[in-house]
C-alpha atoms as a PDB file:
ATOM      1  CA  UNK A   1     -12.841 -52.302 -26.802  1.00  0.00           C
ATOM      2  CA  UNK A   2     -14.136 -53.357 -23.366  1.00  0.00           C
ATOM      3  CA  UNK A   3     -14.539 -51.125 -20.334  1.00  0.00           C
ATOM      4  CA  UNK A   4     -11.788 -51.202 -17.769  1.00  0.00           C
ATOM      5  CA  UNK A   5     -12.631 -53.131 -14.579  1.00  0.00           C
ATOM      6  CA  UNK A   6     -14.425 -51.060 -11.887  1.00  0.00           C
ATOM      7  CA  UNK A   7     -12.516 -49.976  -8.810  1.00  0.00           C
ATOM      8  CA  UNK A   8     -15.771 -50.265  -6.885  1.00  0.00           C
ATOM      9  CA  UNK A   9     -17.784 -53.290  -5.885  1.00  0.00           C
ATOM     10  CA  UNK A  10     -21.372 -53.168  -7.277  1.00  0.00           C
ATOM     11  CA  UNK A  11     -22.607 -52.089  -3.774  1.00  0.00           C
ATOM     12  CA  UNK A  12     -19.943 -49.364  -3.480  1.00  0.00           C
ATOM     13  CA  UNK A  13     -20.812 -48.117  -6.969  1.00  0.00           C
ATOM     14  CA  UNK A  14     -24.531 -47.991  -6.106  1.00  0.00           C
ATOM     15  CA  UNK A  15     -23.794 -46.018  -2.927  1.00  0.00           C
ATOM     16  CA  UNK A  16     -21.525 -43.590  -4.852  1.00  0.00           C
ATOM     17  CA  UNK A  17     -24.256 -43.063  -7.547  1.00  0.00           C
ATOM     18  CA  UNK A  18     -26.942 -42.523  -4.849  1.00  0.00           C
ATOM     19  CA  UNK A  19     -24.723 -39.926  -3.154  1.00  0.00           C
ATOM     20  CA  UNK A  20     -24.316 -38.029  -6.455  1.00  0.00           C
ATOM     21  CA  UNK A  21     -28.093 -38.119  -7.006  1.00  0.00           C
ATOM     22  CA  UNK A  22     -28.640 -36.731  -3.465  1.00  0.00           C
ATOM     23  CA  UNK A  23     -26.092 -33.969  -4.086  1.00  0.00           C
ATOM     24  CA  UNK A  24     -27.901 -33.014  -7.231  1.00  0.00           C
ATOM     25  CA  UNK A  25     -31.363 -32.580  -5.646  1.00  0.00           C
ATOM     26  CA  UNK A  26     -32.365 -28.941  -6.121  1.00  0.00           C
ATOM     27  CA  UNK A  27     -28.736 -28.308  -7.035  1.00  0.00           C
ATOM     28  CA  UNK A  28     -28.390 -28.222 -10.855  1.00  0.00           C
ATOM     29  CA  UNK A  29     -27.752 -24.750 -12.218  1.00  0.00           C
ATOM     30  CA  UNK A  30     -29.518 -24.398 -15.599  1.00  0.00           C
ATOM     31  CA  UNK A  31     -28.811 -21.645 -18.160  1.00  0.00           C
ATOM     32  CA  UNK A  32     -30.895 -21.284 -21.358  1.00  0.00           C
ATOM     33  CA  UNK A  33     -28.648 -20.439 -24.324  1.00  0.00           C
ATOM     34  CA  UNK A  34     -31.630 -18.965 -26.216  1.00  0.00           C
ATOM     35  CA  UNK A  35     -33.147 -16.537 -23.766  1.00  0.00           C
ATOM     36  CA  UNK A  36     -30.453 -16.402 -21.046  1.00  0.00           C
ATOM     37  CA  UNK A  37     -32.892 -17.514 -18.296  1.00  0.00           C
ATOM     38  CA  UNK A  38     -31.174 -19.149 -15.312  1.00  0.00           C
ATOM     39  CA  UNK A  39     -32.742 -21.458 -12.679  1.00  0.00           C
ATOM     40  CA  UNK A  40     -31.953 -24.325 -10.393  1.00  0.00           C
ATOM     41  CA  UNK A  41     -33.472 -27.820 -10.903  1.00  0.00           C
ATOM     42  CA  UNK A  42     -33.032 -31.325  -9.448  1.00  0.00           C
ATOM     43  CA  UNK A  43     -32.054 -33.001 -12.753  1.00  0.00           C
ATOM     44  CA  UNK A  44     -30.623 -32.336 -16.175  1.00  0.00           C
ATOM     45  CA  UNK A  45     -32.881 -32.429 -19.221  1.00  0.00           C
ATOM     46  CA  UNK A  46     -35.336 -29.842 -17.976  1.00  0.00           C
ATOM     47  CA  UNK A  47     -36.297 -27.551 -20.938  1.00  0.00           C
ATOM     48  CA  UNK A  48     -36.564 -23.807 -20.440  1.00  0.00           C
ATOM     49  CA  UNK A  49     -39.879 -22.057 -20.010  1.00  0.00           C
ATOM     50  CA  UNK A  50     -39.280 -20.476 -23.467  1.00  0.00           C
ATOM     51  CA  UNK A  51     -39.414 -23.979 -24.945  1.00  0.00           C
ATOM     52  CA  UNK A  52     -35.797 -24.218 -25.756  1.00  0.00           C
ATOM     53  CA  UNK A  53     -33.872 -27.451 -25.084  1.00  0.00           C
ATOM     54  CA  UNK A  54     -30.556 -25.632 -25.616  1.00  0.00           C
ATOM     55  CA  UNK A  55     -29.805 -25.553 -21.907  1.00  0.00           C
ATOM     56  CA  UNK A  56     -26.494 -25.745 -20.153  1.00  0.00           C
ATOM     57  CA  UNK A  57     -26.522 -27.854 -16.918  1.00  0.00           C
ATOM     58  CA  UNK A  58     -23.885 -27.556 -14.186  1.00  0.00           C
ATOM     59  CA  UNK A  59     -23.991 -29.398 -10.810  1.00  0.00           C
ATOM     60  CA  UNK A  60     -23.760 -26.617  -8.202  1.00  0.00           C
ATOM     61  CA  UNK A  61     -21.987 -28.847  -5.757  1.00  0.00           C
ATOM     62  CA  UNK A  62     -18.926 -28.672  -8.039  1.00  0.00           C
ATOM     63  CA  UNK A  63     -18.365 -25.029  -7.105  1.00  0.00           C
ATOM     64  CA  UNK A  64     -16.463 -24.384  -3.881  1.00  0.00           C
ATOM     65  CA  UNK A  65     -18.148 -22.403  -1.160  1.00  0.00           C
ATOM     66  CA  UNK A  66     -16.228 -19.237  -0.359  1.00  0.00           C
END
């Protein structure tokens, strides 16, 4: 099955992806499922200091400011 056509031009898609990357800088909440350590990083895939790769990643910008 092929992907549906994009609603964005290639340039618009590139700007949108750049905006998401900028929003994620120092803004990814990380939680280690092994040792419960929590920290903030700039990207997903960062392992915990305990060595675990069982880490949950949530973009902080998804949470509303109250």
